[in-house]
């Protein structure tokens, strides 16, 4: 069977859809990893309590540690937001490529239906021509012939 341009287009669009789906999966994994990192950073910050009996040096060290952990939480939140935006963008690209494949499939189905209808028309026309030839309708009616009473 000869490949049509639409079938080649569909194949290209399917490859793009698979690539978009692969990218979406990668973005989802990155988002989950960033989410895990955020929850770890938040748990670390929440578990950091200042001991009741501490001197000034320990207090300063604890504040510095808490500030660093707080900065880590802020960075993790920024990373999660960025990964979430990347994942949303990848999802949108995948949906667009999936819709492109659906459009190509409908075009191919429409083309095949048109070809089937055209083939049916040609077959009916050939059958009609054959039926007319077999029944002699191409000849004039006997009453209209010249020279007959």
N, C-alpha and C. Protein backbone atom coordinates (compact mmCIF):
# COMPACT_ATOMS: atom_id res chain seq x y z
N UNK A 1 0.84 -1.18 0.00
CA UNK A 1 0.00 0.00 0.00
C UNK A 1 0.88 1.24 0.00
N UNK A 2 0.53 2.15 -0.82
CA UNK A 2 1.30 3.38 -0.95
C UNK A 2 1.00 4.31 0.23
N UNK A 3 2.05 4.88 0.78
CA UNK A 3 1.87 5.83 1.89
C UNK A 3 1.43 7.17 1.36
N UNK A 4 0.45 7.73 2.01
CA UNK A 4 -0.01 9.05 1.61
C UNK A 4 0.72 10.09 2.45
N UNK A 5 0.60 11.32 2.02
CA UNK A 5 1.23 12.42 2.77
C UNK A 5 0.64 12.53 4.17
N UNK A 6 -0.65 12.25 4.27
CA UNK A 6 -1.30 12.34 5.58
C UNK A 6 -0.78 11.27 6.53
N UNK A 7 -0.50 10.08 6.01
CA UNK A 7 0.03 9.02 6.87
C UNK A 7 1.43 9.37 7.37
N UNK A 8 2.23 9.99 6.50
CA UNK A 8 3.56 10.44 6.92
C UNK A 8 3.41 11.53 7.97
N UNK A 9 2.48 12.44 7.75
CA UNK A 9 2.22 13.50 8.73
C UNK A 9 1.79 12.91 10.07
N UNK A 10 0.93 11.90 10.03
CA UNK A 10 0.48 11.26 11.26
C UNK A 10 1.65 10.61 11.99
N UNK A 11 2.51 9.97 11.25
CA UNK A 11 3.67 9.31 11.87
C UNK A 11 4.57 10.34 12.56
N UNK A 12 4.81 11.47 11.90
CA UNK A 12 5.62 12.54 12.49
C UNK A 12 4.94 13.07 13.75
N UNK A 13 3.63 13.26 13.67
CA UNK A 13 2.91 13.79 14.84
C UNK A 13 2.90 12.79 15.99
N UNK A 14 2.85 11.50 15.69
CA UNK A 14 2.92 10.50 16.76
C UNK A 14 4.29 10.52 17.43
N UNK A 15 5.34 10.70 16.65
CA UNK A 15 6.68 10.80 17.24
C UNK A 15 6.76 12.02 18.15
N UNK A 16 6.21 13.13 17.69
CA UNK A 16 6.19 14.34 18.52
C UNK A 16 5.38 14.12 19.79
N UNK A 17 4.28 13.41 19.67
CA UNK A 17 3.46 13.15 20.86
C UNK A 17 4.22 12.29 21.86
N UNK A 18 4.92 11.27 21.37
CA UNK A 18 5.71 10.43 22.28
C UNK A 18 6.82 11.24 22.96
N UNK A 19 7.47 12.11 22.21
CA UNK A 19 8.50 12.96 22.79
C UNK A 19 7.91 13.90 23.84
N UNK A 20 6.75 14.46 23.55
CA UNK A 20 6.10 15.36 24.51
C UNK A 20 5.68 14.59 25.76
N UNK A 21 5.21 13.37 25.60
CA UNK A 21 4.83 12.56 26.74
C UNK A 21 6.05 12.19 27.58
N UNK A 22 7.16 11.90 26.93
CA UNK A 22 8.40 11.60 27.64
C UNK A 22 8.88 12.83 28.41
N UNK A 23 8.80 13.99 27.79
CA UNK A 23 9.19 15.23 28.47
C UNK A 23 8.27 15.49 29.66
N UNK A 24 6.98 15.24 29.50
CA UNK A 24 6.04 15.42 30.60
C UNK A 24 6.40 14.51 31.77
N UNK A 25 6.72 13.26 31.47
CA UNK A 25 7.09 12.33 32.54
C UNK A 25 8.36 12.80 33.26
N UNK A 26 9.33 13.29 32.51
CA UNK A 26 10.56 13.82 33.13
C UNK A 26 10.25 15.02 34.02
N UNK A 27 9.38 15.90 33.56
CA UNK A 27 9.02 17.08 34.35
C UNK A 27 8.25 16.67 35.61
N UNK A 28 7.42 15.66 35.50
CA UNK A 28 6.69 15.19 36.67
C UNK A 28 7.64 14.58 37.70
N UNK A 29 8.64 13.82 37.22
CA UNK A 29 9.64 13.27 38.14
C UNK A 29 10.42 14.39 38.82
N UNK A 30 10.80 15.41 38.06
CA UNK A 30 11.53 16.54 38.63
C UNK A 30 10.68 17.28 39.66
N UNK A 31 9.40 17.41 39.38
CA UNK A 31 8.50 18.07 40.32
C UNK A 31 8.37 17.26 41.61
N UNK A 32 8.24 15.95 41.48
CA UNK A 32 8.16 15.10 42.67
C UNK A 32 9.44 15.18 43.51
N UNK A 33 10.59 15.20 42.83
CA UNK A 33 11.86 15.32 43.55
C UNK A 33 11.96 16.66 44.27
N UNK A 34 11.53 17.73 43.61
CA UNK A 34 11.56 19.06 44.24
C UNK A 34 10.59 19.11 45.40
N UNK A 35 9.44 18.47 45.26
CA UNK A 35 8.46 18.42 46.34
C UNK A 35 9.01 17.68 47.55
N UNK A 36 9.71 16.58 47.29
CA UNK A 36 10.34 15.82 48.37
C UNK A 36 11.42 16.66 49.05
N UNK A 37 12.21 17.36 48.25
CA UNK A 37 13.24 18.23 48.80
C UNK A 37 12.62 19.32 49.68
N UNK A 38 11.50 19.88 49.25
CA UNK A 38 10.81 20.90 50.03
C UNK A 38 10.32 20.33 51.35
N UNK A 39 9.68 19.17 51.30
CA UNK A 39 9.16 18.60 52.55
C UNK A 39 10.29 18.24 53.51
N UNK A 40 11.44 17.80 52.98
CA UNK A 40 12.60 17.51 53.82
C UNK A 40 13.13 18.79 54.46
N UNK A 41 13.19 19.86 53.68
CA UNK A 41 13.68 21.14 54.20
C UNK A 41 12.74 21.70 55.27
N UNK A 42 11.45 21.59 55.04
CA UNK A 42 10.47 22.07 56.02
C UNK A 42 10.57 21.25 57.31
N UNK A 43 10.68 19.93 57.17
CA UNK A 43 10.81 19.07 58.36
C UNK A 43 12.08 19.40 59.14
N UNK A 44 13.17 19.67 58.40
CA UNK A 44 14.42 20.03 59.06
C UNK A 44 14.29 21.35 59.80
N UNK A 45 13.63 22.31 59.21
CA UNK A 45 13.44 23.61 59.85
C UNK A 45 12.54 23.50 61.09
N UNK A 46 11.48 22.70 60.97
CA UNK A 46 10.56 22.55 62.10
C UNK A 46 11.19 21.78 63.26
N UNK A 47 12.14 20.91 62.96
CA UNK A 47 12.75 20.10 64.04
C UNK A 47 13.89 20.84 64.75
N UNK A 48 14.28 21.98 64.24
CA UNK A 48 15.39 22.72 64.85
C UNK A 48 14.88 23.57 66.00
N UNK A 49 15.07 23.09 67.21
CA UNK A 49 14.65 23.82 68.41
C UNK A 49 15.88 24.22 69.21
N UNK A 50 15.81 25.39 69.79
CA UNK A 50 16.89 25.89 70.62
C UNK A 50 16.83 25.20 71.98
N UNK A 51 17.94 24.60 72.38
CA UNK A 51 17.96 23.98 73.72
C UNK A 51 17.73 25.04 74.80
N UNK A 52 17.11 24.63 75.88
CA UNK A 52 16.77 25.56 76.96
C UNK A 52 18.01 26.16 77.61
N UNK A 53 19.02 25.38 77.82
CA UNK A 53 20.24 25.90 78.46
C UNK A 53 21.30 26.07 77.38
N UNK A 54 21.40 27.26 76.85
CA UNK A 54 22.41 27.51 75.83
C UNK A 54 23.05 28.87 76.09
N UNK A 55 24.31 28.96 75.74
CA UNK A 55 25.01 30.23 75.91
C UNK A 55 24.89 31.04 74.63
N UNK A 56 25.50 32.19 74.59
CA UNK A 56 25.39 33.12 73.47
C UNK A 56 25.93 32.52 72.18
N UNK A 57 27.04 31.80 72.24
CA UNK A 57 27.64 31.19 71.04
C UNK A 57 26.71 30.15 70.45
N UNK A 58 26.12 29.32 71.32
CA UNK A 58 25.18 28.31 70.84
C UNK A 58 23.94 28.96 70.24
N UNK A 59 23.50 30.05 70.89
CA UNK A 59 22.33 30.77 70.40
C UNK A 59 22.58 31.34 69.00
N UNK A 60 23.75 31.94 68.81
CA UNK A 60 24.10 32.50 67.50
C UNK A 60 24.23 31.38 66.45
N UNK A 61 24.87 30.30 66.84
CA UNK A 61 25.02 29.16 65.91
C UNK A 61 23.64 28.62 65.53
N UNK A 62 22.77 28.53 66.51
CA UNK A 62 21.42 28.04 66.25
C UNK A 62 20.65 28.99 65.31
N UNK A 63 20.78 30.30 65.55
CA UNK A 63 20.12 31.27 64.67
C UNK A 63 20.66 31.19 63.24
N UNK A 64 21.98 31.05 63.12
CA UNK A 64 22.58 30.93 61.79
C UNK A 64 22.09 29.65 61.09
N UNK A 65 22.03 28.56 61.85
CA UNK A 65 21.54 27.29 61.30
C UNK A 65 20.08 27.42 60.87
N UNK A 66 19.30 28.06 61.71
CA UNK A 66 17.89 28.25 61.39
C UNK A 66 17.71 29.16 60.17
N UNK A 67 18.53 30.19 60.05
CA UNK A 67 18.46 31.07 58.88
C UNK A 67 18.82 30.31 57.61
N UNK A 68 19.84 29.46 57.71
CA UNK A 68 20.24 28.65 56.55
C UNK A 68 19.13 27.68 56.16
N UNK A 69 18.52 27.06 57.16
CA UNK A 69 17.43 26.12 56.89
C UNK A 69 16.22 26.86 56.30
N UNK A 70 15.98 28.05 56.79
CA UNK A 70 14.88 28.86 56.26
C UNK A 70 15.15 29.25 54.81
N UNK A 71 16.39 29.61 54.52
CA UNK A 71 16.76 29.93 53.14
C UNK A 71 16.62 28.70 52.24
N UNK A 72 16.96 27.53 52.79
CA UNK A 72 16.82 26.28 52.03
C UNK A 72 15.34 26.01 51.71
N UNK A 73 14.47 26.29 52.67
CA UNK A 73 13.03 26.11 52.44
C UNK A 73 12.55 27.08 51.35
N UNK A 74 13.00 28.33 51.43
CA UNK A 74 12.62 29.31 50.41
C UNK A 74 13.09 28.90 49.03
N UNK A 75 14.33 28.43 48.95
CA UNK A 75 14.87 27.96 47.67
C UNK A 75 14.09 26.75 47.17
N UNK A 76 13.77 25.84 48.06
CA UNK A 76 13.01 24.64 47.67
C UNK A 76 11.63 25.03 47.15
N UNK A 77 11.01 26.03 47.78
CA UNK A 77 9.70 26.48 47.31
C UNK A 77 9.80 27.11 45.92
N UNK A 78 10.86 27.87 45.70
CA UNK A 78 11.08 28.47 44.38
C UNK A 78 11.29 27.38 43.33
N UNK A 79 12.05 26.36 43.69
CA UNK A 79 12.30 25.26 42.75
C UNK A 79 11.00 24.52 42.45
N UNK A 80 10.18 24.29 43.46
CA UNK A 80 8.90 23.60 43.25
C UNK A 80 8.01 24.43 42.32
N UNK A 81 7.97 25.73 42.53
CA UNK A 81 7.16 26.59 41.66
C UNK A 81 7.66 26.54 40.22
N UNK A 82 8.97 26.56 40.06
CA UNK A 82 9.55 26.50 38.72
C UNK A 82 9.27 25.15 38.06
N UNK A 83 9.45 24.07 38.81
CA UNK A 83 9.18 22.73 38.26
C UNK A 83 7.69 22.56 37.94
N UNK A 84 6.85 23.16 38.76
CA UNK A 84 5.42 23.08 38.50
C UNK A 84 5.06 23.79 37.20
N UNK A 85 5.66 24.94 36.98
CA UNK A 85 5.42 25.67 35.72
C UNK A 85 5.95 24.88 34.53
N UNK A 86 7.13 24.26 34.69
CA UNK A 86 7.69 23.44 33.62
C UNK A 86 6.79 22.24 33.32
N UNK A 87 6.27 21.63 34.39
CA UNK A 87 5.39 20.48 34.21
C UNK A 87 4.09 20.89 33.51
N UNK A 88 3.56 22.03 33.87
CA UNK A 88 2.33 22.52 33.24
C UNK A 88 2.57 22.82 31.76
N UNK A 89 3.72 23.40 31.45
CA UNK A 89 4.07 23.67 30.06
C UNK A 89 4.22 22.38 29.27
N UNK A 90 4.87 21.39 29.86
CA UNK A 90 5.05 20.10 29.19
C UNK A 90 3.69 19.41 28.99
N UNK A 91 2.81 19.54 29.97
CA UNK A 91 1.47 18.96 29.83
C UNK A 91 0.70 19.62 28.68
N UNK A 92 0.83 20.93 28.59
CA UNK A 92 0.16 21.66 27.51
C UNK A 92 0.70 21.21 26.14
N UNK A 93 2.01 21.09 26.02
CA UNK A 93 2.61 20.64 24.75
C UNK A 93 2.14 19.23 24.40
N UNK A 94 2.05 18.37 25.40
CA UNK A 94 1.59 17.01 25.14
C UNK A 94 0.14 17.01 24.67
N UNK A 95 -0.71 17.81 25.31
CA UNK A 95 -2.11 17.88 24.89
C UNK A 95 -2.24 18.41 23.47
N UNK A 96 -1.45 19.40 23.13
CA UNK A 96 -1.47 19.95 21.77
C UNK A 96 -1.04 18.88 20.76
N UNK A 97 0.03 18.15 21.08
CA UNK A 97 0.50 17.13 20.15
C UNK A 97 -0.50 15.98 20.04
N UNK A 98 -1.19 15.67 21.14
CA UNK A 98 -2.22 14.64 21.09
C UNK A 98 -3.39 15.09 20.20
N UNK A 99 -3.76 16.35 20.31
CA UNK A 99 -4.83 16.88 19.46
C UNK A 99 -4.40 16.88 17.99
N UNK A 100 -3.13 17.18 17.72
CA UNK A 100 -2.62 17.13 16.34
C UNK A 100 -2.75 15.72 15.77
N UNK A 101 -2.45 14.71 16.59
CA UNK A 101 -2.59 13.32 16.13
C UNK A 101 -4.05 13.00 15.85
N UNK A 102 -4.94 13.46 16.71
CA UNK A 102 -6.37 13.22 16.48
C UNK A 102 -6.84 13.87 15.18
N UNK A 103 -6.37 15.08 14.92
CA UNK A 103 -6.73 15.77 13.68
C UNK A 103 -6.22 14.99 12.47
N UNK A 104 -4.98 14.52 12.54
CA UNK A 104 -4.41 13.76 11.43
C UNK A 104 -5.19 12.46 11.23
N UNK A 105 -5.57 11.80 12.31
CA UNK A 105 -6.37 10.57 12.19
C UNK A 105 -7.71 10.84 11.53
N UNK A 106 -8.36 11.95 11.91
CA UNK A 106 -9.64 12.29 11.29
C UNK A 106 -9.46 12.61 9.81
N UNK A 107 -8.37 13.30 9.47
CA UNK A 107 -8.12 13.61 8.06
C UNK A 107 -7.90 12.34 7.24
N UNK A 108 -7.15 11.41 7.81
CA UNK A 108 -6.91 10.13 7.11
C UNK A 108 -8.22 9.37 6.95
N UNK A 109 -9.03 9.33 7.99
CA UNK A 109 -10.32 8.65 7.89
C UNK A 109 -11.21 9.30 6.85
N UNK A 110 -11.21 10.63 6.82
CA UNK A 110 -12.02 11.36 5.83
C UNK A 110 -11.52 11.06 4.42
N UNK A 111 -10.19 11.03 4.25
CA UNK A 111 -9.63 10.74 2.93
C UNK A 111 -10.00 9.32 2.49
N UNK A 112 -9.90 8.35 3.41
CA UNK A 112 -10.26 6.96 3.06
C UNK A 112 -11.74 6.85 2.72
N UNK A 113 -12.58 7.55 3.47
CA UNK A 113 -14.02 7.54 3.19
C UNK A 113 -14.29 8.14 1.81
N UNK A 114 -13.61 9.23 1.50
CA UNK A 114 -13.76 9.86 0.19
C UNK A 114 -13.32 8.90 -0.92
N UNK A 115 -12.19 8.20 -0.71
CA UNK A 115 -11.71 7.25 -1.71
C UNK A 115 -12.69 6.09 -1.88
N UNK A 116 -13.25 5.61 -0.75
CA UNK A 116 -14.26 4.54 -0.83
C UNK A 116 -15.50 5.01 -1.58
N UNK A 117 -15.95 6.20 -1.28
CA UNK A 117 -17.14 6.74 -1.96
C UNK A 117 -16.87 6.90 -3.45
N UNK A 118 -15.70 7.40 -3.80
CA UNK A 118 -15.34 7.56 -5.21
C UNK A 118 -15.28 6.21 -5.91
N UNK A 119 -14.72 5.21 -5.25
CA UNK A 119 -14.66 3.86 -5.82
C UNK A 119 -16.07 3.29 -6.00
N UNK A 120 -16.93 3.52 -5.01
CA UNK A 120 -18.32 3.06 -5.14
C UNK A 120 -19.02 3.75 -6.30
N UNK A 121 -18.80 5.03 -6.46
CA UNK A 121 -19.43 5.78 -7.58
C UNK A 121 -18.95 5.22 -8.92
N UNK A 122 -17.64 4.97 -9.02
CA UNK A 122 -17.12 4.42 -10.28
C UNK A 122 -17.71 3.04 -10.55
N UNK A 123 -17.84 2.23 -9.51
CA UNK A 123 -18.39 0.89 -9.68
C UNK A 123 -19.86 0.95 -10.09
N UNK A 124 -20.63 1.83 -9.46
CA UNK A 124 -22.04 1.99 -9.83
C UNK A 124 -22.17 2.48 -11.27
N UNK A 125 -21.31 3.43 -11.64
CA UNK A 125 -21.35 3.96 -13.01
C UNK A 125 -21.02 2.85 -14.01
N UNK A 126 -20.03 2.04 -13.68
CA UNK A 126 -19.67 0.93 -14.59
C UNK A 126 -20.81 -0.08 -14.67
N UNK A 127 -21.44 -0.37 -13.53
CA UNK A 127 -22.57 -1.31 -13.53
C UNK A 127 -23.75 -0.75 -14.31
N UNK A 128 -24.01 0.54 -14.14
CA UNK A 128 -25.10 1.17 -14.90
C UNK A 128 -24.81 1.12 -16.39
N UNK A 129 -23.57 1.42 -16.78
CA UNK A 129 -23.21 1.38 -18.20
C UNK A 129 -23.35 -0.04 -18.74
N UNK A 130 -22.94 -1.02 -17.96
CA UNK A 130 -23.05 -2.41 -18.38
C UNK A 130 -24.51 -2.82 -18.50
N UNK A 131 -25.32 -2.42 -17.56
CA UNK A 131 -26.75 -2.76 -17.61
C UNK A 131 -27.42 -2.11 -18.81
N UNK A 132 -27.08 -0.88 -19.10
CA UNK A 132 -27.66 -0.22 -20.27
C UNK A 132 -27.21 -0.90 -21.55
N UNK A 133 -25.97 -1.31 -21.61
CA UNK A 133 -25.46 -1.97 -22.82
C UNK A 133 -26.12 -3.34 -23.00
N UNK A 134 -26.33 -4.08 -21.93
CA UNK A 134 -26.92 -5.41 -22.03
C UNK A 134 -28.39 -5.35 -22.42
N UNK A 135 -29.11 -4.37 -21.99
CA UNK A 135 -30.54 -4.28 -22.27
C UNK A 135 -30.85 -3.46 -23.51
N UNK A 136 -29.85 -3.00 -24.18
CA UNK A 136 -30.05 -2.34 -25.44
C UNK A 136 -30.74 -1.00 -25.36
N UNK A 137 -30.58 -0.33 -24.31
CA UNK A 137 -31.25 0.97 -24.20
C UNK A 137 -30.55 2.05 -24.98
N UNK A 138 -29.42 1.73 -25.50
CA UNK A 138 -28.72 2.71 -26.30
C UNK A 138 -29.28 2.77 -27.72
N UNK A 139 -30.12 1.79 -28.07
CA UNK A 139 -30.73 1.78 -29.39
C UNK A 139 -32.07 2.50 -29.32
N UNK A 140 -32.50 3.08 -30.44
CA UNK A 140 -33.81 3.76 -30.41
C UNK A 140 -34.93 2.75 -30.21
N UNK A 141 -36.05 3.20 -29.72
CA UNK A 141 -37.21 2.34 -29.47
C UNK A 141 -37.73 1.82 -30.82
N UNK A 142 -38.30 0.61 -30.85
CA UNK A 142 -38.75 0.03 -32.11
C UNK A 142 -39.82 0.86 -32.81
N UNK A 143 -40.65 1.55 -32.13
CA UNK A 143 -41.71 2.33 -32.76
C UNK A 143 -41.16 3.57 -33.44
N UNK A 144 -40.00 3.98 -33.05
CA UNK A 144 -39.47 5.20 -33.61
C UNK A 144 -38.52 4.94 -34.78
N UNK A 145 -38.31 3.70 -35.13
CA UNK A 145 -37.41 3.41 -36.25
C UNK A 145 -38.06 3.87 -37.55
N UNK A 146 -37.22 4.25 -38.48
CA UNK A 146 -37.74 4.68 -39.79
C UNK A 146 -38.16 3.46 -40.61
N UNK A 147 -39.16 3.64 -41.27
CA UNK A 147 -39.61 2.59 -42.19
C UNK A 147 -40.48 1.53 -41.55
N UNK A 148 -40.80 1.64 -40.31
CA UNK A 148 -41.70 0.66 -39.70
C UNK A 148 -43.05 1.29 -39.49
N UNK A 149 -44.11 0.54 -39.77
CA UNK A 149 -45.45 1.12 -39.62
C UNK A 149 -45.89 1.32 -38.21
